[in-house]
Amino acid sequence: MNTVTPYSLVESWLQELPEWKSRLETLQAQLTHLPGLTQKFDLVAIHGQGQKNEAILHEVIKRIQFREVEIPFLQLKIQVLEMAIHSLTSEEQIFIEQRYVLKLPTPLILEKLNIPSRSYYRLRRRTLDHIYRIVGGADSILGLGNEILFQTSGEKVAEDWHAKGEDSGKEK
C-alpha cells in the first residue's frame, strides 16, 4: 500500500516541536503554584453575597485541567515525534536538526551536509516519509489539535461548576 505523505503537515509537526516543549515546561511550572492557590480557599472569609475567591477557583480549575488533559497530551505528542526522529539515520537526524531545530537556510544545510541540491530534496522526502510512517500516518495523534481536549473535559468542568453556583444562588 503506497500512501501519499503530506510533507507540509510533517514539516509543521517538526516546526511545532520546540513550541510544544516550551508549552509543556510552562504548564508544568504553573502547576507548582497550585498548592498555594488551593490554600487560599481556607484563608478567605466570605461576608455577604458573592464569592471573593471565584477568580482563584477558576485558576485552580484551569490548572487541574492542564494537569489532567493538556500536559499528558503534549508529553505524548513530543514522545511520538522524538521517537520517530531517533529512528532516523544519523544523516537524516542531522538534516532534521539543521532544517527544523536550528532553522538554517537550505544553502547552508547543503554546505554542511556536503551534498548537491538534488540529494538534499531526496533526503528531505525520504526523511519526511519515514517520520510520517513511524508516527502512524493519517491516524497519528500529532494530527489532533488541543481544541478537542478542552471541549470534552475542561469546559465541561467549568460549565458544571457554574451551573451548580447558579442553582445554589436561586435557592436562597
N, C-alpha and C. Protein backbone atom coordinates (compact mmCIF):
# COMPACT_ATOMS: atom_id res chain seq x y z
N MET A 1 0.84 -1.17 0.00
CA MET A 1 0.00 0.00 0.00
C MET A 1 0.89 1.24 0.00
N ASN A 2 0.73 2.07 -0.99
CA ASN A 2 1.55 3.25 -1.14
C ASN A 2 0.71 4.49 -0.82
N THR A 3 1.00 5.13 0.31
CA THR A 3 0.25 6.32 0.70
C THR A 3 1.05 7.57 0.37
N VAL A 4 0.34 8.64 0.13
CA VAL A 4 0.97 9.91 -0.18
C VAL A 4 1.26 10.63 1.14
N THR A 5 2.48 11.06 1.31
CA THR A 5 2.88 11.76 2.53
C THR A 5 2.58 13.24 2.39
N PRO A 6 1.82 13.81 3.32
CA PRO A 6 1.59 15.26 3.31
C PRO A 6 2.82 15.97 3.92
N TYR A 7 3.76 16.31 3.06
CA TYR A 7 5.04 16.85 3.52
C TYR A 7 4.87 18.13 4.34
N SER A 8 3.95 18.98 3.96
CA SER A 8 3.76 20.23 4.71
C SER A 8 3.25 19.94 6.12
N LEU A 9 2.43 18.91 6.28
CA LEU A 9 1.92 18.54 7.60
C LEU A 9 3.06 18.03 8.49
N VAL A 10 3.88 17.14 7.95
CA VAL A 10 5.00 16.60 8.71
C VAL A 10 5.97 17.72 9.07
N GLU A 11 6.22 18.62 8.14
CA GLU A 11 7.10 19.75 8.43
C GLU A 11 6.51 20.64 9.52
N SER A 12 5.20 20.82 9.51
CA SER A 12 4.58 21.65 10.55
C SER A 12 4.74 21.00 11.93
N TRP A 13 4.66 19.66 11.99
CA TRP A 13 4.89 18.96 13.27
C TRP A 13 6.31 19.21 13.75
N LEU A 14 7.26 19.08 12.83
CA LEU A 14 8.66 19.28 13.20
C LEU A 14 8.93 20.72 13.64
N GLN A 15 8.28 21.67 13.00
CA GLN A 15 8.46 23.07 13.37
C GLN A 15 7.76 23.39 14.69
N GLU A 16 6.71 22.67 15.02
CA GLU A 16 5.97 22.91 16.27
C GLU A 16 6.59 22.22 17.47
N LEU A 17 7.50 21.27 17.25
CA LEU A 17 8.09 20.52 18.35
C LEU A 17 8.72 21.42 19.42
N PRO A 18 9.56 22.40 19.06
CA PRO A 18 10.10 23.29 20.11
C PRO A 18 9.00 24.07 20.85
N GLU A 19 7.96 24.43 20.13
CA GLU A 19 6.82 25.14 20.73
C GLU A 19 6.10 24.25 21.74
N TRP A 20 5.90 22.98 21.38
CA TRP A 20 5.25 22.03 22.28
C TRP A 20 6.08 21.85 23.55
N LYS A 21 7.40 21.74 23.40
CA LYS A 21 8.28 21.57 24.56
C LYS A 21 8.21 22.79 25.47
N SER A 22 8.21 23.96 24.88
CA SER A 22 8.12 25.20 25.65
C SER A 22 6.79 25.28 26.39
N ARG A 23 5.72 24.94 25.72
CA ARG A 23 4.38 24.96 26.32
C ARG A 23 4.31 23.98 27.49
N LEU A 24 4.90 22.80 27.32
CA LEU A 24 4.90 21.79 28.37
C LEU A 24 5.64 22.30 29.61
N GLU A 25 6.80 22.92 29.42
CA GLU A 25 7.56 23.48 30.54
C GLU A 25 6.76 24.56 31.25
N THR A 26 6.09 25.41 30.49
CA THR A 26 5.28 26.49 31.08
C THR A 26 4.14 25.92 31.91
N LEU A 27 3.44 24.92 31.38
CA LEU A 27 2.33 24.32 32.11
C LEU A 27 2.80 23.63 33.38
N GLN A 28 3.93 22.94 33.30
CA GLN A 28 4.45 22.27 34.49
C GLN A 28 4.89 23.28 35.54
N ALA A 29 5.44 24.41 35.11
CA ALA A 29 5.82 25.47 36.05
C ALA A 29 4.58 26.07 36.72
N GLN A 30 3.51 26.23 35.96
CA GLN A 30 2.28 26.78 36.53
C GLN A 30 1.68 25.85 37.58
N LEU A 31 1.88 24.56 37.41
CA LEU A 31 1.33 23.61 38.37
C LEU A 31 2.00 23.71 39.73
N THR A 32 3.21 24.23 39.79
CA THR A 32 3.88 24.37 41.08
C THR A 32 3.17 25.38 41.96
N HIS A 33 2.38 26.27 41.38
CA HIS A 33 1.64 27.26 42.16
C HIS A 33 0.29 26.74 42.63
N LEU A 34 -0.12 25.57 42.19
CA LEU A 34 -1.44 25.03 42.53
C LEU A 34 -1.64 24.84 44.04
N PRO A 35 -0.70 24.25 44.79
CA PRO A 35 -0.93 24.09 46.24
C PRO A 35 -1.14 25.43 46.95
N GLY A 36 -0.40 26.45 46.56
CA GLY A 36 -0.56 27.77 47.16
C GLY A 36 -1.92 28.37 46.87
N LEU A 37 -2.43 28.12 45.68
CA LEU A 37 -3.75 28.65 45.33
C LEU A 37 -4.85 27.96 46.11
N THR A 38 -4.74 26.65 46.29
CA THR A 38 -5.80 25.93 46.99
C THR A 38 -5.83 26.29 48.47
N GLN A 39 -4.70 26.70 49.05
CA GLN A 39 -4.68 27.13 50.44
C GLN A 39 -5.52 28.39 50.64
N LYS A 40 -5.62 29.21 49.63
CA LYS A 40 -6.34 30.48 49.74
C LYS A 40 -7.83 30.28 49.94
N PHE A 41 -8.35 29.10 49.64
CA PHE A 41 -9.77 28.86 49.88
C PHE A 41 -10.08 28.92 51.37
N ASP A 42 -9.19 28.40 52.19
CA ASP A 42 -9.41 28.40 53.63
C ASP A 42 -9.16 29.77 54.25
N LEU A 43 -8.30 30.56 53.65
CA LEU A 43 -7.88 31.82 54.23
C LEU A 43 -8.83 32.98 53.94
N VAL A 44 -9.69 32.86 52.94
CA VAL A 44 -10.56 33.97 52.54
C VAL A 44 -11.93 33.79 53.20
N ALA A 45 -12.33 34.80 53.96
CA ALA A 45 -13.65 34.77 54.57
C ALA A 45 -14.64 35.44 53.63
N ILE A 46 -15.85 34.90 53.54
CA ILE A 46 -16.86 35.46 52.66
C ILE A 46 -17.94 36.10 53.53
N HIS A 47 -18.12 37.40 53.35
CA HIS A 47 -19.15 38.13 54.08
C HIS A 47 -20.11 38.70 53.05
N GLY A 48 -21.37 38.42 53.20
CA GLY A 48 -22.34 38.94 52.26
C GLY A 48 -22.47 38.04 51.04
N GLN A 49 -22.97 38.64 49.95
CA GLN A 49 -23.18 37.86 48.73
C GLN A 49 -21.91 37.83 47.88
N GLY A 50 -21.84 36.83 47.03
CA GLY A 50 -20.72 36.71 46.10
C GLY A 50 -19.60 35.88 46.69
N GLN A 51 -18.70 35.52 45.81
CA GLN A 51 -17.55 34.73 46.23
C GLN A 51 -16.29 35.52 45.91
N LYS A 52 -15.57 35.88 46.94
CA LYS A 52 -14.36 36.67 46.73
C LYS A 52 -13.24 35.84 46.11
N ASN A 53 -13.30 34.53 46.27
CA ASN A 53 -12.24 33.68 45.75
C ASN A 53 -12.62 32.98 44.45
N GLU A 54 -13.60 33.51 43.74
CA GLU A 54 -14.05 32.89 42.49
C GLU A 54 -12.94 32.89 41.44
N ALA A 55 -12.17 33.96 41.36
CA ALA A 55 -11.06 34.02 40.39
C ALA A 55 -10.03 32.95 40.71
N ILE A 56 -9.78 32.73 41.98
CA ILE A 56 -8.83 31.70 42.39
C ILE A 56 -9.36 30.33 42.00
N LEU A 57 -10.64 30.11 42.20
CA LEU A 57 -11.25 28.84 41.84
C LEU A 57 -11.14 28.59 40.34
N HIS A 58 -11.38 29.62 39.54
CA HIS A 58 -11.24 29.47 38.09
C HIS A 58 -9.80 29.09 37.73
N GLU A 59 -8.85 29.71 38.39
CA GLU A 59 -7.43 29.41 38.12
C GLU A 59 -7.11 27.97 38.51
N VAL A 60 -7.61 27.52 39.64
CA VAL A 60 -7.38 26.14 40.08
C VAL A 60 -8.00 25.16 39.09
N ILE A 61 -9.21 25.43 38.64
CA ILE A 61 -9.87 24.55 37.66
C ILE A 61 -9.05 24.49 36.38
N LYS A 62 -8.57 25.65 35.93
CA LYS A 62 -7.78 25.70 34.70
C LYS A 62 -6.49 24.89 34.84
N ARG A 63 -5.83 25.01 35.97
CA ARG A 63 -4.57 24.29 36.17
C ARG A 63 -4.78 22.80 36.36
N ILE A 64 -5.87 22.42 36.99
CA ILE A 64 -6.18 21.00 37.11
C ILE A 64 -6.46 20.43 35.73
N GLN A 65 -7.14 21.20 34.91
CA GLN A 65 -7.40 20.79 33.53
C GLN A 65 -6.08 20.57 32.79
N PHE A 66 -5.13 21.48 32.98
CA PHE A 66 -3.81 21.32 32.35
C PHE A 66 -3.17 20.02 32.80
N ARG A 67 -3.22 19.77 34.10
CA ARG A 67 -2.55 18.59 34.63
C ARG A 67 -3.20 17.32 34.11
N GLU A 68 -4.51 17.30 34.07
CA GLU A 68 -5.21 16.07 33.71
C GLU A 68 -5.30 15.84 32.21
N VAL A 69 -5.26 16.90 31.42
CA VAL A 69 -5.53 16.75 29.99
C VAL A 69 -4.37 17.20 29.12
N GLU A 70 -4.04 18.46 29.18
CA GLU A 70 -3.10 19.00 28.21
C GLU A 70 -1.67 18.52 28.42
N ILE A 71 -1.21 18.42 29.66
CA ILE A 71 0.17 18.01 29.90
C ILE A 71 0.43 16.59 29.38
N PRO A 72 -0.39 15.58 29.72
CA PRO A 72 -0.14 14.25 29.17
C PRO A 72 -0.24 14.21 27.64
N PHE A 73 -1.16 15.01 27.09
CA PHE A 73 -1.32 15.05 25.64
C PHE A 73 -0.06 15.61 24.98
N LEU A 74 0.46 16.71 25.51
CA LEU A 74 1.70 17.29 24.97
C LEU A 74 2.87 16.33 25.14
N GLN A 75 2.96 15.68 26.29
CA GLN A 75 4.05 14.73 26.52
C GLN A 75 3.99 13.60 25.50
N LEU A 76 2.80 13.12 25.22
CA LEU A 76 2.65 12.04 24.25
C LEU A 76 3.04 12.49 22.85
N LYS A 77 2.59 13.68 22.44
CA LYS A 77 2.95 14.20 21.12
C LYS A 77 4.46 14.35 20.98
N ILE A 78 5.10 14.89 22.01
CA ILE A 78 6.55 15.09 21.98
C ILE A 78 7.27 13.74 21.91
N GLN A 79 6.83 12.78 22.72
CA GLN A 79 7.47 11.46 22.73
C GLN A 79 7.33 10.76 21.39
N VAL A 80 6.15 10.84 20.79
CA VAL A 80 5.92 10.18 19.50
C VAL A 80 6.84 10.76 18.43
N LEU A 81 6.90 12.08 18.36
CA LEU A 81 7.72 12.72 17.34
C LEU A 81 9.21 12.50 17.60
N GLU A 82 9.64 12.57 18.86
CA GLU A 82 11.06 12.33 19.16
C GLU A 82 11.45 10.88 18.90
N MET A 83 10.53 9.95 19.15
CA MET A 83 10.80 8.54 18.85
C MET A 83 11.03 8.37 17.35
N ALA A 84 10.21 9.03 16.55
CA ALA A 84 10.36 8.95 15.10
C ALA A 84 11.69 9.55 14.66
N ILE A 85 12.08 10.66 15.26
CA ILE A 85 13.35 11.31 14.90
C ILE A 85 14.52 10.42 15.29
N HIS A 86 14.45 9.77 16.46
CA HIS A 86 15.54 8.90 16.89
C HIS A 86 15.65 7.63 16.04
N SER A 87 14.60 7.28 15.33
CA SER A 87 14.64 6.10 14.48
C SER A 87 15.30 6.38 13.12
N LEU A 88 15.61 7.64 12.86
CA LEU A 88 16.24 8.03 11.59
C LEU A 88 17.73 7.70 11.59
N THR A 89 18.31 7.69 10.40
CA THR A 89 19.76 7.54 10.30
C THR A 89 20.43 8.81 10.81
N SER A 90 21.72 8.74 11.06
CA SER A 90 22.43 9.92 11.59
C SER A 90 22.38 11.09 10.60
N GLU A 91 22.48 10.81 9.30
CA GLU A 91 22.40 11.87 8.29
C GLU A 91 21.02 12.54 8.32
N GLU A 92 19.98 11.72 8.44
CA GLU A 92 18.62 12.26 8.49
C GLU A 92 18.39 13.07 9.77
N GLN A 93 18.95 12.61 10.89
CA GLN A 93 18.83 13.35 12.14
C GLN A 93 19.53 14.70 12.06
N ILE A 94 20.69 14.73 11.44
CA ILE A 94 21.41 15.99 11.25
C ILE A 94 20.58 16.93 10.38
N PHE A 95 19.99 16.39 9.33
CA PHE A 95 19.13 17.19 8.46
C PHE A 95 17.98 17.80 9.26
N ILE A 96 17.30 16.98 10.07
CA ILE A 96 16.17 17.46 10.88
C ILE A 96 16.63 18.56 11.84
N GLU A 97 17.75 18.34 12.49
CA GLU A 97 18.25 19.33 13.44
C GLU A 97 18.55 20.66 12.75
N GLN A 98 19.24 20.58 11.61
CA GLN A 98 19.63 21.82 10.93
C GLN A 98 18.44 22.52 10.28
N ARG A 99 17.53 21.76 9.73
CA ARG A 99 16.41 22.35 8.99
C ARG A 99 15.29 22.85 9.91
N TYR A 100 14.94 22.06 10.94
CA TYR A 100 13.74 22.37 11.72
C TYR A 100 14.03 22.86 13.14
N VAL A 101 15.19 22.51 13.70
CA VAL A 101 15.52 22.99 15.04
C VAL A 101 16.32 24.29 14.95
N LEU A 102 17.42 24.24 14.18
CA LEU A 102 18.25 25.43 14.01
C LEU A 102 17.70 26.39 12.96
N LYS A 103 16.82 25.88 12.12
CA LYS A 103 16.16 26.67 11.06
C LYS A 103 17.18 27.34 10.12
N LEU A 104 18.17 26.57 9.72
CA LEU A 104 19.17 27.08 8.80
C LEU A 104 18.61 27.14 7.38
N PRO A 105 19.08 28.08 6.58
CA PRO A 105 18.64 28.14 5.18
C PRO A 105 19.20 26.96 4.39
N THR A 106 18.52 26.60 3.33
CA THR A 106 18.89 25.45 2.51
C THR A 106 20.34 25.49 2.02
N PRO A 107 20.85 26.61 1.50
CA PRO A 107 22.24 26.61 1.04
C PRO A 107 23.25 26.25 2.14
N LEU A 108 22.99 26.69 3.35
CA LEU A 108 23.89 26.35 4.46
C LEU A 108 23.82 24.86 4.79
N ILE A 109 22.64 24.30 4.73
CA ILE A 109 22.48 22.87 5.00
C ILE A 109 23.19 22.05 3.93
N LEU A 110 23.04 22.48 2.67
CA LEU A 110 23.73 21.79 1.57
C LEU A 110 25.24 21.79 1.82
N GLU A 111 25.74 22.91 2.26
CA GLU A 111 27.18 23.03 2.51
C GLU A 111 27.61 22.15 3.69
N LYS A 112 26.84 22.18 4.77
CA LYS A 112 27.21 21.40 5.96
C LYS A 112 27.11 19.89 5.71
N LEU A 113 26.10 19.47 4.96
CA LEU A 113 25.95 18.05 4.65
C LEU A 113 26.83 17.61 3.49
N ASN A 114 27.34 18.60 2.77
CA ASN A 114 28.21 18.35 1.62
C ASN A 114 27.50 17.47 0.57
N ILE A 115 26.29 17.90 0.20
CA ILE A 115 25.52 17.17 -0.80
C ILE A 115 24.97 18.15 -1.82
N PRO A 116 24.71 17.68 -3.04
CA PRO A 116 24.08 18.56 -4.04
C PRO A 116 22.60 18.76 -3.73
N SER A 117 22.01 19.76 -4.34
CA SER A 117 20.61 20.09 -4.05
C SER A 117 19.66 18.95 -4.39
N ARG A 118 19.97 18.21 -5.43
CA ARG A 118 19.12 17.08 -5.80
C ARG A 118 19.08 16.03 -4.69
N SER A 119 20.23 15.74 -4.12
CA SER A 119 20.31 14.79 -3.00
C SER A 119 19.61 15.34 -1.75
N TYR A 120 19.70 16.65 -1.58
CA TYR A 120 19.05 17.30 -0.44
C TYR A 120 17.54 17.06 -0.48
N TYR A 121 16.93 17.26 -1.63
CA TYR A 121 15.48 17.08 -1.74
C TYR A 121 15.07 15.62 -1.64
N ARG A 122 15.93 14.72 -2.10
CA ARG A 122 15.67 13.28 -1.91
C ARG A 122 15.73 12.94 -0.42
N LEU A 123 16.75 13.48 0.25
CA LEU A 123 16.91 13.26 1.69
C LEU A 123 15.69 13.80 2.45
N ARG A 124 15.26 14.99 2.09
CA ARG A 124 14.09 15.60 2.72
C ARG A 124 12.86 14.71 2.55
N ARG A 125 12.62 14.29 1.31
CA ARG A 125 11.45 13.46 1.02
C ARG A 125 11.52 12.12 1.77
N ARG A 126 12.68 11.49 1.75
CA ARG A 126 12.86 10.20 2.42
C ARG A 126 12.66 10.34 3.94
N THR A 127 13.21 11.40 4.50
CA THR A 127 13.10 11.65 5.95
C THR A 127 11.66 11.91 6.36
N LEU A 128 10.98 12.77 5.64
CA LEU A 128 9.59 13.10 5.97
C LEU A 128 8.67 11.89 5.78
N ASP A 129 8.93 11.08 4.73
CA ASP A 129 8.17 9.84 4.53
C ASP A 129 8.33 8.91 5.73
N HIS A 130 9.58 8.76 6.17
CA HIS A 130 9.89 7.86 7.28
C HIS A 130 9.19 8.33 8.57
N ILE A 131 9.28 9.61 8.86
CA ILE A 131 8.65 10.16 10.06
C ILE A 131 7.14 9.96 10.00
N TYR A 132 6.53 10.26 8.87
CA TYR A 132 5.08 10.12 8.71
C TYR A 132 4.65 8.67 8.94
N ARG A 133 5.41 7.75 8.41
CA ARG A 133 5.08 6.33 8.56
C ARG A 133 5.25 5.88 10.02
N ILE A 134 6.33 6.32 10.68
CA ILE A 134 6.60 5.90 12.06
C ILE A 134 5.57 6.45 13.05
N VAL A 135 5.13 7.69 12.86
CA VAL A 135 4.18 8.29 13.82
C VAL A 135 2.75 7.80 13.62
N GLY A 136 2.49 7.04 12.58
CA GLY A 136 1.17 6.46 12.39
C GLY A 136 0.40 6.99 11.21
N GLY A 137 1.04 7.80 10.39
CA GLY A 137 0.39 8.30 9.19
C GLY A 137 -0.80 9.19 9.49
N ALA A 138 -1.87 8.97 8.75
CA ALA A 138 -3.06 9.81 8.89
C ALA A 138 -3.75 9.63 10.25
N ASP A 139 -3.49 8.50 10.91
CA ASP A 139 -4.12 8.21 12.20
C ASP A 139 -3.29 8.69 13.39
N SER A 140 -2.26 9.46 13.14
CA SER A 140 -1.34 9.88 14.19
C SER A 140 -1.99 10.83 15.18
N ILE A 141 -1.56 10.73 16.42
CA ILE A 141 -2.02 11.65 17.47
C ILE A 141 -1.53 13.07 17.21
N LEU A 142 -0.48 13.19 16.41
CA LEU A 142 0.08 14.52 16.12
C LEU A 142 -0.90 15.37 15.32
N GLY A 143 -1.83 14.72 14.64
CA GLY A 143 -2.81 15.46 13.85
C GLY A 143 -3.95 16.04 14.66
N LEU A 144 -4.05 15.63 15.93
CA LEU A 144 -5.12 16.14 16.79
C LEU A 144 -4.73 17.49 17.36
N GLY A 145 -5.69 18.39 17.39
CA GLY A 145 -5.44 19.71 17.97
C GLY A 145 -5.89 19.77 19.42
N ASN A 146 -5.48 20.80 20.12
CA ASN A 146 -5.84 20.96 21.53
C ASN A 146 -7.31 21.26 21.73
N GLU A 147 -8.01 21.75 20.71
CA GLU A 147 -9.42 22.11 20.85
C GLU A 147 -10.25 20.91 21.29
N ILE A 148 -9.92 19.74 20.79
CA ILE A 148 -10.67 18.52 21.10
C ILE A 148 -10.59 18.23 22.59
N LEU A 149 -9.43 18.42 23.17
CA LEU A 149 -9.23 18.09 24.58
C LEU A 149 -10.06 18.96 25.50
N PHE A 150 -10.07 20.24 25.25
CA PHE A 150 -10.72 21.15 26.17
C PHE A 150 -12.23 21.16 26.03
N GLN A 151 -12.74 20.84 24.89
CA GLN A 151 -14.18 20.79 24.73
C GLN A 151 -14.77 19.59 25.46
N THR A 152 -13.98 18.55 25.61
CA THR A 152 -14.52 17.34 26.22
C THR A 152 -14.33 17.29 27.72
N SER A 153 -13.37 18.04 28.28
CA SER A 153 -13.14 17.89 29.71
C SER A 153 -13.20 19.21 30.47
N GLY A 154 -12.32 20.11 30.20
CA GLY A 154 -12.18 21.33 30.98
C GLY A 154 -13.39 22.23 30.93
N GLU A 155 -13.93 22.45 29.74
CA GLU A 155 -15.10 23.31 29.63
C GLU A 155 -16.29 22.68 30.33
N LYS A 156 -16.36 21.37 30.28
CA LYS A 156 -17.45 20.66 30.96
C LYS A 156 -17.35 20.88 32.46
N VAL A 157 -16.16 20.80 33.04
CA VAL A 157 -15.97 21.02 34.47
C VAL A 157 -16.40 22.43 34.84
N ALA A 158 -15.94 23.41 34.06
CA ALA A 158 -16.28 24.81 34.34
C ALA A 158 -17.79 25.05 34.20
N GLU A 159 -18.41 24.46 33.17
CA GLU A 159 -19.85 24.62 32.98
C GLU A 159 -20.63 24.00 34.14
N ASP A 160 -20.20 22.81 34.58
CA ASP A 160 -20.87 22.15 35.70
C ASP A 160 -20.75 22.99 36.97
N TRP A 161 -19.58 23.56 37.20
CA TRP A 161 -19.36 24.37 38.39
C TRP A 161 -20.24 25.61 38.36
N HIS A 162 -20.30 26.27 37.20
CA HIS A 162 -21.15 27.46 37.09
C HIS A 162 -22.62 27.11 37.27
N ALA A 163 -23.05 25.98 36.72
CA ALA A 163 -24.44 25.57 36.85
C ALA A 163 -24.79 25.32 38.32
N LYS A 164 -23.89 24.70 39.07
CA LYS A 164 -24.13 24.46 40.49
C LYS A 164 -24.19 25.78 41.25
N GLY A 165 -23.31 26.70 40.90
CA GLY A 165 -23.28 28.01 41.56
C GLY A 165 -24.56 28.78 41.32
N GLU A 166 -25.08 28.72 40.10
CA GLU A 166 -26.32 29.42 39.77
C GLU A 166 -27.51 28.77 40.46
N ASP A 167 -27.51 27.43 40.54
CA ASP A 167 -28.60 26.72 41.20
C ASP A 167 -28.65 27.05 42.69
N SER A 168 -27.49 27.09 43.34
CA SER A 168 -27.47 27.38 44.77
C SER A 168 -27.87 28.82 45.04
N GLY A 169 -27.59 29.73 44.12
CA GLY A 169 -27.97 31.13 44.27
C GLY A 169 -29.47 31.32 44.15
N LYS A 170 -30.14 30.50 43.35
CA LYS A 170 -31.59 30.62 43.14
C LYS A 170 -32.37 30.11 44.34
N GLU A 171 -31.78 29.14 45.06
CA GLU A 171 -32.49 28.53 46.18
C GLU A 171 -32.59 29.49 47.35
N LYS A 172 -31.67 30.45 47.48
CA LYS A 172 -31.64 31.37 48.62
C LYS A 172 -32.71 32.33 48.56
